[in-house]
Protein backbone atom coordinates (compact mmCIF):
# COMPACT_ATOMS: atom_id res chain seq x y z
CA UNK A 1 0.07 0.05 -0.01
CA UNK A 2 1.22 3.50 -0.82
CA UNK A 3 2.41 5.58 1.85
CA UNK A 4 3.30 9.31 2.88
CA UNK A 5 6.58 10.36 2.67
CA UNK A 6 7.69 12.52 4.97
CA UNK A 7 10.13 14.86 3.44
CA UNK A 8 7.79 15.51 0.51
CA UNK A 9 4.82 15.86 2.92
CA UNK A 10 7.06 18.70 4.94
CA UNK A 11 7.68 20.26 2.00
CA UNK A 12 4.19 20.86 0.42
CA UNK A 13 3.20 21.44 3.94
CA UNK A 14 5.11 24.48 4.29
CA UNK A 15 4.30 26.07 0.67
CA UNK A 16 0.53 25.25 1.64
CA UNK A 17 1.26 27.68 4.86
CA UNK A 18 2.94 30.32 2.85
CA UNK A 19 -0.03 30.42 0.58
CA UNK A 20 1.38 29.13 -2.94
CA UNK A 21 -1.43 26.58 -3.31
CA UNK A 22 -4.43 25.57 -0.67
CA UNK A 23 -3.98 22.13 -1.49
CA UNK A 24 -1.64 19.23 -3.18
CA UNK A 25 -2.16 15.56 -3.60
CA UNK A 26 1.19 13.69 -4.75
CA UNK A 27 1.82 10.11 -6.24
CA UNK A 28 5.34 8.58 -7.11
CA UNK A 29 5.00 5.29 -8.92
CA UNK A 30 7.94 2.62 -9.60
CA UNK A 31 7.20 0.00 -11.89
CA UNK A 32 3.44 -0.13 -11.68
CA UNK A 33 3.65 -0.03 -8.29
CA UNK A 34 2.59 3.64 -6.00
CA UNK A 35 5.26 4.22 -3.77
CA UNK A 36 4.38 7.33 -2.27
CA UNK A 37 1.44 9.25 -2.10
CA UNK A 38 -0.48 11.63 0.19
CA UNK A 39 -3.22 14.30 0.03
CA UNK A 40 -2.58 17.72 2.17
CA UNK A 41 -4.67 21.10 2.35
CA UNK A 42 -8.29 22.27 1.31
CA UNK A 43 -9.43 21.01 -2.21
CA UNK A 44 -11.65 23.87 -1.66
CA UNK A 45 -12.05 26.78 0.34
CA UNK A 46 -13.93 29.21 -1.31
CA UNK A 47 -17.70 29.12 -1.30
CA UNK A 48 -17.07 26.08 1.11
CA UNK A 49 -14.12 24.18 2.74
CA UNK A 50 -13.44 20.61 1.44
CA UNK A 51 -10.30 18.92 2.53
CA UNK A 52 -8.08 17.28 -0.08
CA UNK A 53 -8.15 13.65 -0.56
CA UNK A 54 -6.40 11.16 -2.47
CA UNK A 55 -9.04 10.46 -4.76
CA UNK A 56 -9.97 14.44 -5.21
CA UNK A 57 -10.48 15.01 -8.98
CA UNK A 58 -8.22 18.18 -10.28
CA UNK A 59 -8.21 20.71 -13.52
CA UNK A 60 -5.22 19.37 -15.43
CA UNK A 61 -5.28 22.19 -17.61
CA UNK A 62 -2.19 21.76 -20.20
CA UNK A 63 -1.59 18.10 -19.45
CA UNK A 64 -4.64 17.54 -21.45
CA UNK A 65 -2.19 17.87 -24.17
CA UNK A 66 0.25 15.12 -23.67
CA UNK A 67 -2.48 12.74 -21.95
CA UNK A 68 -5.05 12.99 -24.31
CA UNK A 69 -4.08 14.96 -27.33
CA UNK A 70 -0.45 13.45 -27.91
CA UNK A 71 -1.73 9.98 -27.10
CA UNK A 72 -4.38 10.04 -29.25
CA UNK A 73 -2.16 11.34 -32.11
CA UNK A 74 0.58 8.66 -31.02
CA UNK A 75 -2.03 5.81 -31.74
CA UNK A 76 -2.99 7.46 -35.27
CA UNK A 77 0.27 7.06 -36.32
CA UNK A 78 0.65 3.57 -35.45
CA UNK A 79 -2.73 2.95 -37.34
CA UNK A 80 -1.19 4.69 -40.43
CA UNK A 81 -4.29 7.38 -40.32
CA UNK A 82 -1.60 10.38 -39.76
CA UNK A 83 1.94 10.71 -41.03
CA UNK A 84 4.23 12.68 -38.61
CA UNK A 85 5.97 14.67 -41.24
CA UNK A 86 3.17 15.41 -43.49
CA UNK A 87 1.60 18.81 -43.48
CA UNK A 88 -1.03 19.67 -41.51
CA UNK A 89 -2.95 21.19 -44.61
CA UNK A 90 -3.02 17.45 -45.95
CA UNK A 91 -5.92 16.96 -42.82
CA UNK A 92 -6.89 21.04 -42.25
CA UNK A 93 -7.06 22.72 -45.92
CA UNK A 94 -7.33 25.93 -43.78
CA UNK A 95 -3.53 25.51 -43.42
CA UNK A 96 -3.49 25.65 -46.96
CA UNK A 97 -1.88 29.35 -46.52
CA UNK A 98 1.29 30.74 -47.75
CA UNK A 99 2.87 30.71 -44.25
CA UNK A 100 1.17 27.87 -43.16
CA UNK A 101 1.12 25.45 -45.96
CA UNK A 102 4.84 23.66 -44.73
CA UNK A 103 3.63 23.41 -40.93
CA UNK A 104 3.94 19.81 -40.04
CA UNK A 105 2.36 17.73 -37.57
CA UNK A 106 5.45 16.73 -35.60
CA UNK A 107 6.01 20.76 -35.30
CA UNK A 108 2.27 21.25 -33.78
CA UNK A 109 3.35 18.95 -31.60
CA UNK A 110 7.02 19.88 -30.38
CA UNK A 111 5.70 23.47 -30.39
CA UNK A 112 7.81 24.59 -33.46
CA UNK A 113 5.33 25.46 -35.69
CA UNK A 114 5.64 29.23 -35.17
CA UNK A 115 1.89 29.73 -34.15
CA UNK A 116 1.53 32.23 -31.11
CA UNK A 117 1.42 31.03 -27.98
CA UNK A 118 -2.16 32.17 -26.92
CA UNK A 119 -5.18 34.14 -28.38
CA UNK A 120 -8.55 34.56 -26.90
CA UNK A 121 -10.54 32.82 -29.29
CA UNK A 122 -13.97 33.44 -27.35
CA UNK A 123 -13.31 37.08 -28.51
CA UNK A 124 -11.59 36.74 -31.61
CA UNK A 125 -14.56 34.22 -33.49
CA UNK A 126 -17.32 36.70 -31.94
CA UNK A 127 -18.16 34.03 -30.06
CA UNK A 128 -18.93 31.19 -32.72
CA UNK A 129 -17.08 28.12 -31.66
CA UNK A 130 -17.07 27.05 -35.74
CA UNK A 131 -14.99 29.74 -36.22
CA UNK A 132 -11.91 28.43 -34.01
CA UNK A 133 -9.95 27.27 -37.03
CA UNK A 134 -10.48 29.74 -39.34
CA UNK A 135 -9.40 32.19 -36.52
CA UNK A 136 -5.97 29.80 -35.63
CA UNK A 137 -5.22 29.75 -39.13
CA UNK A 138 -5.44 33.47 -39.94
CA UNK A 139 -2.47 34.09 -36.82
CA UNK A 140 0.40 35.58 -38.22
CA UNK A 141 3.42 33.18 -37.23
CA UNK A 142 5.70 34.34 -34.52
CA UNK A 143 8.29 32.94 -36.53
CA UNK A 144 9.27 30.26 -39.48
CA UNK A 145 7.92 26.92 -38.71
CA UNK A 146 10.93 24.74 -37.09
CA UNK A 147 13.40 27.78 -36.57
CA UNK A 148 12.56 27.53 -32.33
CA UNK A 149 9.93 26.37 -29.64
CA UNK A 150 7.01 28.57 -28.85
CA UNK A 151 4.97 27.06 -26.11
CA UNK A 152 1.56 27.17 -28.14
CA UNK A 153 -1.98 26.66 -26.65
CA UNK A 154 -3.26 27.28 -30.45
CA UNK A 155 -0.93 24.48 -31.83
CA UNK A 156 -2.72 22.45 -29.78
CA UNK A 157 -6.02 22.96 -30.17
CA UNK A 158 -5.31 22.78 -34.00
CA UNK A 159 -4.29 19.38 -33.25
CA UNK A 160 -7.47 18.29 -31.36
CA UNK A 161 -9.72 19.74 -34.30
CA UNK A 162 -7.25 17.67 -36.53
CA UNK A 163 -8.21 14.53 -34.63
CA UNK A 164 -11.59 15.05 -34.92
CA UNK A 165 -11.64 15.99 -38.32
CA UNK A 166 -9.58 12.82 -39.40
CA UNK A 167 -11.96 10.51 -37.64
CA UNK A 168 -15.25 11.99 -37.67
CA UNK A 169 -15.64 11.28 -33.98
CA UNK A 170 -15.94 14.44 -31.49
CA UNK A 171 -12.67 14.68 -29.20
CA UNK A 172 -14.63 13.53 -25.88
CA UNK A 173 -15.92 10.57 -27.32
CA UNK A 174 -12.79 9.64 -29.13
CA UNK A 175 -10.78 9.92 -25.61
CA UNK A 176 -13.11 7.98 -23.76
CA UNK A 177 -13.24 4.89 -26.44
CA UNK A 178 -9.57 5.17 -27.19
CA UNK A 179 -8.01 6.17 -23.57
CA UNK A 180 -10.61 6.18 -20.61
CA UNK A 181 -12.73 3.03 -21.24
CA UNK A 182 -9.73 0.88 -22.03
CA UNK A 183 -7.91 1.64 -18.95
CA UNK A 184 -10.99 1.19 -17.03
CA UNK A 185 -10.94 5.09 -15.49
CA UNK A 186 -13.86 6.29 -13.30
CA UNK A 187 -12.86 9.50 -12.26
CA UNK A 188 -11.36 10.89 -15.84
CA UNK A 189 -13.25 12.68 -18.32
CA UNK A 190 -14.04 16.32 -19.50
CA UNK A 191 -16.73 18.53 -18.42
CA UNK A 192 -17.51 16.53 -15.06
CA UNK A 193 -21.10 16.11 -13.88
CA UNK A 194 -22.70 18.65 -11.48
CA UNK A 195 -22.94 16.10 -8.63
CA UNK A 196 -19.10 15.71 -9.07
CA UNK A 197 -18.45 19.00 -7.91
CA UNK A 198 -18.01 18.53 -4.31
CA UNK A 199 -15.20 15.59 -5.06
CA UNK A 200 -13.20 18.64 -7.52
CA UNK A 201 -10.42 20.78 -6.87
CA UNK A 202 -11.81 24.78 -7.23
CA UNK A 203 -10.11 27.20 -9.19
CA UNK A 204 -10.46 30.70 -9.42
CA UNK A 205 -12.87 32.27 -6.78
CA UNK A 206 -13.95 35.09 -9.08
CA UNK A 207 -14.23 34.01 -12.84
CA UNK A 208 -11.66 34.32 -14.90
CA UNK A 209 -9.89 36.91 -13.78
CA UNK A 210 -6.44 36.23 -15.19
CA UNK A 211 -7.46 35.83 -18.41
CA UNK A 212 -9.84 38.95 -18.18
CA UNK A 213 -6.47 41.13 -17.58
CA UNK A 214 -4.88 39.43 -20.10
CA UNK A 215 -7.54 40.64 -22.69
CA UNK A 216 -7.82 44.26 -21.10
CA UNK A 217 -6.37 45.39 -24.62
CA UNK A 218 -8.80 43.23 -26.75
CA UNK A 219 -11.30 45.72 -28.79
CA UNK A 220 -14.13 43.41 -28.05
CA UNK A 221 -13.09 43.31 -24.04
CA UNK A 222 -16.09 45.73 -23.19
CA UNK A 223 -18.48 42.61 -23.83
CA UNK A 224 -18.78 41.55 -20.13
CA UNK A 225 -20.70 38.97 -21.26
CA UNK A 226 -17.80 36.86 -22.43
CA UNK A 227 -16.15 36.34 -19.31
CA UNK A 228 -17.51 34.04 -16.38
CA UNK A 229 -17.27 36.20 -13.28
CA UNK A 230 -18.42 33.54 -10.66
CA UNK A 231 -16.37 30.99 -8.99
CA UNK A 232 -14.65 28.21 -11.58
CA UNK A 233 -15.41 25.12 -9.64
CA UNK A 234 -16.52 21.93 -11.74
CA UNK A 235 -15.55 23.33 -14.83
CA UNK A 236 -12.76 23.93 -16.90
CA UNK A 237 -10.60 27.05 -15.90
CA UNK A 238 -9.00 27.75 -19.49
CA UNK A 239 -11.13 30.04 -21.09
CA UNK A 240 -10.68 28.85 -24.54
CA UNK A 241 -11.17 25.00 -23.65
CA UNK A 242 -14.79 26.51 -21.91
CA UNK A 243 -15.38 28.49 -25.13
CA UNK A 244 -14.92 25.65 -27.10
CA UNK A 245 -17.49 23.00 -25.26
CA UNK A 246 -15.01 22.26 -21.99
CA UNK A 247 -12.69 19.92 -24.19
CA UNK A 248 -10.24 20.77 -26.28
CA UNK A 249 -6.81 19.54 -27.75
CA UNK A 250 -4.76 21.89 -25.48
CA UNK A 251 -7.12 21.81 -22.02
CA UNK A 252 -10.28 20.30 -20.21
CA UNK A 253 -9.07 16.83 -18.92
CA UNK A 254 -9.67 16.04 -14.99
CA UNK A 255 -8.44 13.38 -13.34
CA UNK A 256 -6.99 12.04 -9.93
CA UNK A 257 -3.19 11.23 -9.59
CA UNK A 258 -4.12 8.02 -9.42
CA UNK A 259 -6.07 7.78 -12.50
CA UNK A 260 -3.34 10.56 -14.64
CA UNK A 261 -0.44 7.88 -13.25
CA UNK A 262 -2.41 5.37 -15.05
CA UNK A 263 -2.34 7.53 -18.22
CA UNK A 264 0.82 8.53 -17.93
CA UNK A 265 2.15 4.52 -18.05
CA UNK A 266 1.02 4.35 -21.45
CA UNK A 267 4.21 6.26 -22.69
CA UNK A 268 6.56 3.77 -21.18
CA UNK A 269 7.18 0.63 -23.19
CA UNK A 270 7.11 -2.05 -20.31
CA UNK A 271 3.64 -0.59 -19.04
CA UNK A 272 1.83 0.91 -22.14
CA UNK A 273 -1.15 -1.16 -23.16
CA UNK A 274 -2.25 1.34 -25.58
CA UNK A 275 0.87 1.72 -27.37
CA UNK A 276 3.06 -0.46 -29.01
CA UNK A 277 6.58 -0.65 -27.28
CA UNK A 278 8.46 0.77 -30.08
CA UNK A 279 6.23 3.88 -30.03
CA UNK A 280 7.16 4.96 -26.91
CA UNK A 281 10.67 5.90 -28.19
CA UNK A 282 8.85 9.12 -29.52
CA UNK A 283 8.59 10.33 -26.05
CA UNK A 284 12.14 10.20 -25.41
CA UNK A 285 13.51 11.18 -28.41
CA UNK A 286 14.37 15.17 -28.88
CA UNK A 287 13.11 16.27 -31.77
CA UNK A 288 14.34 19.81 -31.56
CA UNK A 289 17.89 19.72 -31.20
CA UNK A 290 19.66 22.57 -31.47
CA UNK A 291 16.47 24.81 -30.22
CA UNK A 292 15.90 26.68 -26.98
CA UNK A 293 13.93 23.79 -25.65
CA UNK A 294 14.15 19.74 -26.13
CA UNK A 295 10.89 18.78 -27.21
CA UNK A 296 9.69 15.05 -27.86
CA UNK A 297 6.46 14.15 -29.10
CA UNK A 298 3.99 16.01 -27.07
CA UNK A 299 6.21 16.50 -23.82
CA UNK A 300 9.20 18.34 -23.04
CA UNK A 301 12.52 16.75 -21.74
CA UNK A 302 14.18 17.07 -19.01
CA UNK A 303 17.37 18.00 -20.92
CA UNK A 304 15.33 21.34 -21.22
CA UNK A 305 17.63 24.03 -19.47
CA UNK A 306 15.89 24.78 -15.98
CA UNK A 307 12.81 22.77 -16.43
CA UNK A 308 10.93 21.60 -13.65
CA UNK A 309 12.39 17.75 -13.91
CA UNK A 310 15.13 19.08 -11.69
CA UNK A 311 18.43 17.59 -11.58
CA UNK A 312 17.46 13.98 -10.12
CA UNK A 313 15.77 13.04 -13.54
CA UNK A 314 17.65 11.76 -16.37
CA UNK A 315 17.97 13.99 -19.56
CA UNK A 316 15.53 11.72 -21.56
CA UNK A 317 12.81 11.88 -18.84
CA UNK A 318 9.45 13.70 -20.12
CA UNK A 319 6.92 15.77 -18.55
CA UNK A 320 4.38 18.30 -18.53
CA UNK A 321 2.61 21.16 -16.40
CA UNK A 322 -0.89 22.77 -16.18
CA UNK A 323 -1.49 26.48 -15.78
CA UNK A 324 -4.01 25.27 -12.70
CA UNK A 325 -0.83 24.13 -10.75
CA UNK A 326 -0.78 20.60 -11.99
CA UNK A 327 2.64 18.50 -13.40
CA UNK A 328 3.15 14.83 -14.32
CA UNK A 329 6.84 13.62 -15.04
CA UNK A 330 7.83 10.39 -16.38
CA UNK A 331 11.48 8.43 -16.39
CA UNK A 332 10.41 5.73 -18.84
CA UNK A 333 14.16 3.98 -18.31
CA UNK A 334 13.20 3.26 -14.61
CA UNK A 335 9.45 3.12 -14.87
CA UNK A 336 8.82 5.95 -12.75
CA UNK A 337 5.91 8.38 -12.34
CA UNK A 338 5.85 11.56 -10.88
CA UNK A 339 2.56 13.35 -9.97
CA UNK A 340 1.93 16.73 -8.37
CA UNK A 341 -1.48 18.07 -8.57
CA UNK A 342 -2.21 21.40 -6.58
CA UNK A 343 -5.07 23.99 -7.18
CA UNK A 344 -2.76 27.31 -6.97
CA UNK A 345 -5.09 29.19 -8.77
CA UNK A 346 -8.08 29.02 -6.16
CA UNK A 347 -8.44 31.53 -3.08
CA UNK A 348 -5.34 33.35 -4.20
CA UNK A 349 -4.90 36.87 -5.69
CA UNK A 350 -2.82 38.13 -8.54
CA UNK A 351 -0.28 37.32 -9.23
CA UNK A 352 -0.23 33.02 -9.02
CA UNK A 353 2.80 31.72 -7.14
CA UNK A 354 5.14 30.30 -9.92
CA UNK A 355 5.88 26.73 -8.18
CA UNK A 356 8.37 25.33 -10.55
CA UNK A 357 11.04 25.31 -7.52
CA UNK A 358 8.72 23.17 -5.56
CA UNK A 359 8.51 21.09 -8.59
CA UNK A 360 12.11 20.31 -8.76
CA UNK A 361 12.15 19.74 -5.24
CA UNK A 362 9.48 17.58 -5.39
CA UNK A 363 11.12 15.48 -7.95
CA UNK A 364 14.38 15.63 -5.55
CA UNK A 365 12.98 14.23 -2.89
CA UNK A 366 10.74 11.68 -4.46
CA UNK A 367 14.21 10.20 -6.55
CA UNK A 368 16.05 10.39 -2.81
CA UNK A 369 13.26 8.21 -1.34
CA UNK A 370 12.81 5.37 -4.07
CA UNK A 371 16.73 4.94 -4.16
CA UNK A 372 16.67 4.73 -0.49
CA UNK A 373 13.85 2.23 -0.26
CA UNK A 374 15.44 0.43 -2.95
CA UNK A 375 18.84 0.40 -0.88
CA UNK A 376 16.83 -0.82 2.13
CA UNK A 377 15.23 -3.88 -0.08
């Protein structure tokens, strides 16, 4: 049975007391066995108080990118339905434009397409979901495709729409059919039911004030009806994902630490049930050598300078962060998975705390605990 780890507990308790985040759930697994896990703090403080538990469901935010969109893309590449180095325009004619005709699927997956990091689609589309791809395709590129890494929500929103176009199935149904049902996941989904709210960690307490501030210079910002003003609890925090129906290629996934780990294991050759073991090499391979970040298929590599992996994880470990305060890192060589879920956006005045230092310390302590346990066996 998994047990708390005293040094990790002390670290997270200290950061909760400091006001960095109201709750934290962590899980450390090795070779398919959960070694350490615990829950601290309050999953909800406003409007009511609920303590965090090991089965608390968190808005995983951008962990959606690798855990759903990346995994689905890998499956379709295996099946021959997608070609990694094919132009996106082969699947989405909207990208058949002078500046984007050469953008490839691989470049979307590695954030090297040149697309901007973020734009408020709910404003730019005049609140029409069907125009999202048209608006993304019309955005000017920040640089030539392949010239550098620029983390882009727009790129993964595009991938989500591409998956729907190629399969003819909505992203929510595709994820359920190809990932959630085969893994028998019970607490992983898009768009939680209202009845599940009390088991979900809350996000911002007064609507998405963070995005309202980011949109202050947009011409349409005066239309306050485009923004949520009530507490965000039990619905996706990300504004574009909310606008797109609660599920998109870049955000919208909700899950627990244990079920997040179950998906993360699918990217490792000795644990995967959803991919061929040889496909898992894609996730450890640096596809952006010589650029400003080391990126693999849908993941960041620990070889990236100042990554949140910290010094304890090997360079070919891969991981991802979520804006709400979540993270997942995988050391496939040692079959280790490190999950840290917080809700740093809840009950907190802006600016939100940068918790990357805490993430690095968590990995350092977790690796030390695993190595010590191995030495004692």
